[in-house]
Amino acid sequence: MLSDSPPLIEHQTSRLGRWFRARRNRLALSIALVEAIVVVIFHDVSRWTVIAVALVAFALYWFAGRTSRSDAFRQVSWIFAASQLLAVIAAVLAFIVFWAAILAAAIFAVIALFFVVTDRR
């Protein structure tokens, strides 16, 4: 019976690597959320900084993390790259939403100006 057999361990994995693998999506999303909040609150951290860090993180994962013999390093580099790329998406969306809000305010101002100018009392 399959239920009586012990769980299989993947080849070339470590206990720490399996722990990271089991939690890597949650960790990447949590890190990206915290970083997105920091970028929104503190304007000293620019979108370009987030993009530069994401490029470094992706390069680290692509060139070293994927082929690393260390399972833990492979998982941590994946989490780092994924969280930074998610932070870039958040920064770009914040940029778009900010400019969409500015555009909406400008449109509302033009409409209000139209109503003020065409008022004939």
N, C-alpha and C. Protein backbone atom coordinates (compact mmCIF):
# COMPACT_ATOMS: atom_id res chain seq x y z
N MET A 1 0.83 -1.18 0.00
CA MET A 1 0.00 0.00 0.00
C MET A 1 0.88 1.25 0.00
N LEU A 2 0.43 2.26 -0.70
CA LEU A 2 1.21 3.50 -0.78
C LEU A 2 1.18 4.29 0.52
N SER A 3 0.12 4.20 1.27
CA SER A 3 0.02 5.00 2.48
C SER A 3 0.97 4.52 3.57
N ASP A 4 1.43 3.25 3.50
CA ASP A 4 2.34 2.73 4.50
C ASP A 4 3.80 3.09 4.22
N SER A 5 4.10 3.52 3.01
CA SER A 5 5.48 3.83 2.67
C SER A 5 5.85 5.22 3.17
N PRO A 6 7.11 5.40 3.54
CA PRO A 6 7.54 6.72 4.01
C PRO A 6 7.53 7.73 2.86
N PRO A 7 7.38 9.03 3.17
CA PRO A 7 7.38 10.04 2.10
C PRO A 7 8.72 10.08 1.38
N LEU A 8 8.67 10.29 0.10
CA LEU A 8 9.90 10.35 -0.70
C LEU A 8 10.54 11.72 -0.58
N ILE A 9 11.84 11.74 -0.55
CA ILE A 9 12.60 12.99 -0.51
C ILE A 9 13.22 13.17 -1.89
N GLU A 10 13.06 14.37 -2.43
CA GLU A 10 13.63 14.65 -3.74
C GLU A 10 15.15 14.55 -3.71
N HIS A 11 15.71 14.15 -4.83
CA HIS A 11 17.15 14.01 -4.97
C HIS A 11 17.83 15.37 -4.86
N GLN A 12 18.92 15.45 -4.17
CA GLN A 12 19.74 16.65 -3.98
C GLN A 12 18.97 17.79 -3.31
N THR A 13 18.17 17.46 -2.32
CA THR A 13 17.51 18.50 -1.53
C THR A 13 18.04 18.44 -0.11
N SER A 14 17.86 19.53 0.59
CA SER A 14 18.26 19.58 1.99
C SER A 14 17.03 19.91 2.83
N ARG A 15 17.16 19.71 4.10
CA ARG A 15 16.03 20.00 5.00
C ARG A 15 15.66 21.48 4.92
N LEU A 16 16.65 22.36 4.96
CA LEU A 16 16.40 23.79 4.86
C LEU A 16 15.82 24.15 3.49
N GLY A 17 16.35 23.55 2.44
CA GLY A 17 15.84 23.80 1.09
C GLY A 17 14.39 23.38 0.95
N ARG A 18 14.02 22.23 1.53
CA ARG A 18 12.63 21.78 1.48
C ARG A 18 11.73 22.72 2.27
N TRP A 19 12.25 23.25 3.39
CA TRP A 19 11.47 24.20 4.18
C TRP A 19 11.20 25.46 3.36
N PHE A 20 12.23 25.99 2.71
CA PHE A 20 12.05 27.17 1.86
C PHE A 20 11.11 26.87 0.70
N ARG A 21 11.26 25.71 0.08
CA ARG A 21 10.42 25.35 -1.07
C ARG A 21 8.95 25.30 -0.68
N ALA A 22 8.66 24.78 0.50
CA ALA A 22 7.28 24.68 0.95
C ALA A 22 6.66 26.05 1.21
N ARG A 23 7.49 27.03 1.47
CA ARG A 23 6.97 28.35 1.85
C ARG A 23 7.39 29.46 0.89
N ARG A 24 7.95 29.12 -0.24
CA ARG A 24 8.56 30.14 -1.09
C ARG A 24 7.56 31.11 -1.70
N ASN A 25 6.38 30.66 -2.08
CA ASN A 25 5.39 31.59 -2.63
C ASN A 25 4.93 32.59 -1.59
N ARG A 26 4.64 32.09 -0.39
CA ARG A 26 4.21 32.97 0.69
C ARG A 26 5.31 33.95 1.08
N LEU A 27 6.55 33.47 1.15
CA LEU A 27 7.66 34.35 1.49
C LEU A 27 7.88 35.42 0.42
N ALA A 28 7.83 35.03 -0.85
CA ALA A 28 8.04 35.99 -1.94
C ALA A 28 6.95 37.06 -1.94
N LEU A 29 5.70 36.65 -1.74
CA LEU A 29 4.60 37.63 -1.71
C LEU A 29 4.72 38.55 -0.50
N SER A 30 5.11 38.01 0.64
CA SER A 30 5.26 38.83 1.85
C SER A 30 6.37 39.86 1.69
N ILE A 31 7.50 39.42 1.16
CA ILE A 31 8.62 40.34 0.95
C ILE A 31 8.23 41.43 -0.06
N ALA A 32 7.56 41.04 -1.13
CA ALA A 32 7.14 42.01 -2.14
C ALA A 32 6.14 43.01 -1.56
N LEU A 33 5.24 42.55 -0.72
CA LEU A 33 4.27 43.44 -0.09
C LEU A 33 4.96 44.46 0.80
N VAL A 34 5.89 43.99 1.63
CA VAL A 34 6.62 44.90 2.51
C VAL A 34 7.43 45.90 1.69
N GLU A 35 8.07 45.44 0.64
CA GLU A 35 8.87 46.34 -0.18
C GLU A 35 7.98 47.36 -0.91
N ALA A 36 6.84 46.92 -1.39
CA ALA A 36 5.92 47.86 -2.06
C ALA A 36 5.43 48.93 -1.09
N ILE A 37 5.16 48.54 0.14
CA ILE A 37 4.73 49.52 1.14
C ILE A 37 5.86 50.49 1.44
N VAL A 38 7.08 50.00 1.55
CA VAL A 38 8.23 50.88 1.81
C VAL A 38 8.40 51.86 0.66
N VAL A 39 8.24 51.40 -0.58
CA VAL A 39 8.40 52.28 -1.74
C VAL A 39 7.32 53.35 -1.74
N VAL A 40 6.09 52.98 -1.37
CA VAL A 40 5.00 53.95 -1.37
C VAL A 40 5.18 54.96 -0.24
N ILE A 41 5.57 54.49 0.94
CA ILE A 41 5.68 55.39 2.10
C ILE A 41 6.92 56.28 2.01
N PHE A 42 8.05 55.69 1.70
CA PHE A 42 9.30 56.45 1.65
C PHE A 42 9.64 56.73 0.20
N HIS A 43 9.58 57.97 -0.16
CA HIS A 43 9.84 58.34 -1.55
C HIS A 43 11.33 58.34 -1.88
N ASP A 44 12.18 58.12 -0.88
CA ASP A 44 13.62 58.05 -1.14
C ASP A 44 13.97 56.80 -1.95
N VAL A 45 13.17 55.77 -1.80
CA VAL A 45 13.39 54.54 -2.56
C VAL A 45 12.61 54.67 -3.87
N SER A 46 13.31 54.89 -4.94
CA SER A 46 12.64 55.14 -6.21
C SER A 46 12.28 53.85 -6.93
N ARG A 47 11.44 54.00 -7.92
CA ARG A 47 11.07 52.85 -8.75
C ARG A 47 12.30 52.30 -9.48
N TRP A 48 13.21 53.18 -9.83
CA TRP A 48 14.42 52.73 -10.54
C TRP A 48 15.29 51.87 -9.64
N THR A 49 15.31 52.18 -8.34
CA THR A 49 16.05 51.34 -7.40
C THR A 49 15.43 49.95 -7.33
N VAL A 50 14.11 49.91 -7.27
CA VAL A 50 13.41 48.62 -7.23
C VAL A 50 13.70 47.82 -8.50
N ILE A 51 13.69 48.48 -9.64
CA ILE A 51 13.97 47.80 -10.91
C ILE A 51 15.41 47.30 -10.95
N ALA A 52 16.35 48.11 -10.47
CA ALA A 52 17.76 47.70 -10.46
C ALA A 52 17.98 46.50 -9.55
N VAL A 53 17.37 46.52 -8.37
CA VAL A 53 17.51 45.38 -7.46
C VAL A 53 16.87 44.13 -8.07
N ALA A 54 15.75 44.31 -8.76
CA ALA A 54 15.09 43.17 -9.40
C ALA A 54 15.95 42.57 -10.50
N LEU A 55 16.63 43.42 -11.26
CA LEU A 55 17.52 42.91 -12.30
C LEU A 55 18.67 42.11 -11.70
N VAL A 56 19.23 42.62 -10.60
CA VAL A 56 20.32 41.90 -9.92
C VAL A 56 19.80 40.58 -9.37
N ALA A 57 18.62 40.60 -8.76
CA ALA A 57 18.05 39.38 -8.18
C ALA A 57 17.77 38.35 -9.26
N PHE A 58 17.21 38.80 -10.38
CA PHE A 58 16.91 37.87 -11.47
C PHE A 58 18.20 37.29 -12.05
N ALA A 59 19.21 38.14 -12.23
CA ALA A 59 20.49 37.65 -12.76
C ALA A 59 21.13 36.65 -11.80
N LEU A 60 21.06 36.93 -10.50
CA LEU A 60 21.60 36.01 -9.51
C LEU A 60 20.90 34.66 -9.60
N TYR A 61 19.58 34.68 -9.68
CA TYR A 61 18.85 33.42 -9.79
C TYR A 61 19.16 32.72 -11.11
N TRP A 62 19.14 33.47 -12.20
CA TRP A 62 19.30 32.86 -13.52
C TRP A 62 20.69 32.24 -13.71
N PHE A 63 21.72 32.95 -13.28
CA PHE A 63 23.07 32.49 -13.55
C PHE A 63 23.68 31.64 -12.43
N ALA A 64 23.22 31.81 -11.20
CA ALA A 64 23.82 31.05 -10.10
C ALA A 64 22.81 30.17 -9.37
N GLY A 65 21.62 30.69 -9.14
CA GLY A 65 20.65 29.97 -8.33
C GLY A 65 20.10 28.71 -8.97
N ARG A 66 19.79 28.77 -10.23
CA ARG A 66 19.19 27.61 -10.91
C ARG A 66 20.12 26.41 -10.95
N THR A 67 21.39 26.66 -11.08
CA THR A 67 22.35 25.56 -11.24
C THR A 67 23.16 25.28 -9.97
N SER A 68 22.80 25.93 -8.87
CA SER A 68 23.55 25.75 -7.63
C SER A 68 23.38 24.33 -7.09
N ARG A 69 24.42 23.83 -6.50
CA ARG A 69 24.36 22.51 -5.87
C ARG A 69 23.65 22.59 -4.53
N SER A 70 23.61 23.79 -3.96
CA SER A 70 22.94 23.98 -2.67
C SER A 70 21.45 24.19 -2.90
N ASP A 71 20.66 23.29 -2.35
CA ASP A 71 19.21 23.41 -2.50
C ASP A 71 18.69 24.66 -1.80
N ALA A 72 19.23 24.96 -0.63
CA ALA A 72 18.78 26.14 0.12
C ALA A 72 19.09 27.41 -0.67
N PHE A 73 20.29 27.51 -1.26
CA PHE A 73 20.62 28.69 -2.06
C PHE A 73 19.72 28.80 -3.28
N ARG A 74 19.41 27.68 -3.89
CA ARG A 74 18.52 27.68 -5.06
C ARG A 74 17.15 28.22 -4.68
N GLN A 75 16.63 27.79 -3.54
CA GLN A 75 15.30 28.25 -3.10
C GLN A 75 15.32 29.71 -2.67
N VAL A 76 16.35 30.11 -1.94
CA VAL A 76 16.46 31.50 -1.49
C VAL A 76 16.64 32.44 -2.67
N SER A 77 17.43 32.04 -3.65
CA SER A 77 17.61 32.91 -4.83
C SER A 77 16.30 33.01 -5.62
N TRP A 78 15.51 31.93 -5.65
CA TRP A 78 14.21 31.98 -6.32
C TRP A 78 13.28 32.94 -5.57
N ILE A 79 13.26 32.84 -4.25
CA ILE A 79 12.41 33.73 -3.44
C ILE A 79 12.83 35.18 -3.63
N PHE A 80 14.13 35.43 -3.63
CA PHE A 80 14.65 36.79 -3.81
C PHE A 80 14.24 37.34 -5.18
N ALA A 81 14.44 36.55 -6.23
CA ALA A 81 14.10 37.01 -7.58
C ALA A 81 12.60 37.23 -7.72
N ALA A 82 11.80 36.29 -7.24
CA ALA A 82 10.35 36.40 -7.38
C ALA A 82 9.82 37.60 -6.59
N SER A 83 10.31 37.80 -5.39
CA SER A 83 9.83 38.93 -4.58
C SER A 83 10.20 40.27 -5.22
N GLN A 84 11.40 40.36 -5.78
CA GLN A 84 11.81 41.62 -6.41
C GLN A 84 11.03 41.88 -7.69
N LEU A 85 10.76 40.84 -8.46
CA LEU A 85 9.96 41.03 -9.68
C LEU A 85 8.52 41.40 -9.33
N LEU A 86 7.97 40.83 -8.27
CA LEU A 86 6.64 41.24 -7.81
C LEU A 86 6.65 42.69 -7.32
N ALA A 87 7.73 43.09 -6.68
CA ALA A 87 7.85 44.49 -6.22
C ALA A 87 7.90 45.44 -7.42
N VAL A 88 8.54 45.03 -8.50
CA VAL A 88 8.56 45.86 -9.72
C VAL A 88 7.14 46.00 -10.26
N ILE A 89 6.40 44.90 -10.28
CA ILE A 89 5.01 44.97 -10.75
C ILE A 89 4.21 45.93 -9.88
N ALA A 90 4.40 45.85 -8.56
CA ALA A 90 3.69 46.75 -7.65
C ALA A 90 4.09 48.21 -7.88
N ALA A 91 5.37 48.46 -8.10
CA ALA A 91 5.84 49.83 -8.34
C ALA A 91 5.27 50.38 -9.64
N VAL A 92 5.23 49.56 -10.67
CA VAL A 92 4.67 50.00 -11.95
C VAL A 92 3.17 50.27 -11.82
N LEU A 93 2.46 49.38 -11.12
CA LEU A 93 1.03 49.60 -10.92
C LEU A 93 0.77 50.87 -10.11
N ALA A 94 1.59 51.11 -9.09
CA ALA A 94 1.45 52.34 -8.30
C ALA A 94 1.68 53.56 -9.18
N PHE A 95 2.66 53.48 -10.07
CA PHE A 95 2.94 54.57 -11.00
C PHE A 95 1.73 54.82 -11.91
N ILE A 96 1.18 53.73 -12.44
CA ILE A 96 0.02 53.86 -13.34
C ILE A 96 -1.18 54.42 -12.59
N VAL A 97 -1.43 53.90 -11.38
CA VAL A 97 -2.57 54.38 -10.60
C VAL A 97 -2.38 55.84 -10.23
N PHE A 98 -1.17 56.23 -9.88
CA PHE A 98 -0.90 57.64 -9.53
C PHE A 98 -1.23 58.54 -10.72
N TRP A 99 -0.73 58.18 -11.89
CA TRP A 99 -1.00 59.02 -13.05
C TRP A 99 -2.44 58.93 -13.50
N ALA A 100 -3.10 57.80 -13.27
CA ALA A 100 -4.53 57.69 -13.57
C ALA A 100 -5.33 58.62 -12.65
N ALA A 101 -4.91 58.71 -11.38
CA ALA A 101 -5.57 59.63 -10.45
C ALA A 101 -5.35 61.08 -10.86
N ILE A 102 -4.16 61.41 -11.30
CA ILE A 102 -3.87 62.77 -11.78
C ILE A 102 -4.72 63.07 -13.01
N LEU A 103 -4.79 62.13 -13.94
CA LEU A 103 -5.59 62.31 -15.15
C LEU A 103 -7.07 62.48 -14.81
N ALA A 104 -7.57 61.67 -13.88
CA ALA A 104 -8.97 61.79 -13.48
C ALA A 104 -9.24 63.15 -12.84
N ALA A 105 -8.32 63.63 -12.02
CA ALA A 105 -8.48 64.95 -11.40
C ALA A 105 -8.49 66.04 -12.47
N ALA A 106 -7.63 65.91 -13.48
CA ALA A 106 -7.60 66.90 -14.56
C ALA A 106 -8.91 66.87 -15.36
N ILE A 107 -9.42 65.69 -15.63
CA ILE A 107 -10.69 65.58 -16.36
C ILE A 107 -11.82 66.18 -15.55
N PHE A 108 -11.87 65.89 -14.25
CA PHE A 108 -12.91 66.47 -13.40
C PHE A 108 -12.78 67.98 -13.34
N ALA A 109 -11.57 68.51 -13.33
CA ALA A 109 -11.37 69.96 -13.32
C ALA A 109 -11.87 70.58 -14.62
N VAL A 110 -11.62 69.95 -15.75
CA VAL A 110 -12.11 70.46 -17.03
C VAL A 110 -13.63 70.44 -17.06
N ILE A 111 -14.24 69.36 -16.57
CA ILE A 111 -15.70 69.28 -16.55
C ILE A 111 -16.27 70.35 -15.62
N ALA A 112 -15.67 70.54 -14.46
CA ALA A 112 -16.13 71.57 -13.53
C ALA A 112 -15.97 72.95 -14.14
N LEU A 113 -14.86 73.19 -14.82
CA LEU A 113 -14.65 74.47 -15.49
C LEU A 113 -15.72 74.69 -16.56
N PHE A 114 -16.07 73.64 -17.29
CA PHE A 114 -17.12 73.74 -18.30
C PHE A 114 -18.44 74.16 -17.66
N PHE A 115 -18.80 73.55 -16.52
CA PHE A 115 -20.04 73.90 -15.85
C PHE A 115 -20.00 75.33 -15.31
N VAL A 116 -18.86 75.79 -14.84
CA VAL A 116 -18.75 77.16 -14.32
C VAL A 116 -18.86 78.16 -15.47
N VAL A 117 -18.20 77.88 -16.58
CA VAL A 117 -18.20 78.82 -17.70
C VAL A 117 -19.57 78.86 -18.38
N THR A 118 -20.26 77.76 -18.46
CA THR A 118 -21.56 77.74 -19.17
C THR A 118 -22.73 78.06 -18.25
N ASP A 119 -22.49 78.37 -16.99
CA ASP A 119 -23.57 78.72 -16.07
C ASP A 119 -24.09 80.10 -16.45
N ARG A 120 -25.43 80.21 -16.74
CA ARG A 120 -26.00 81.48 -17.22
C ARG A 120 -27.07 82.01 -16.28
N ARG A 121 -26.74 82.28 -15.11
CA ARG A 121 -27.72 82.85 -14.19
C ARG A 121 -27.66 84.31 -14.15
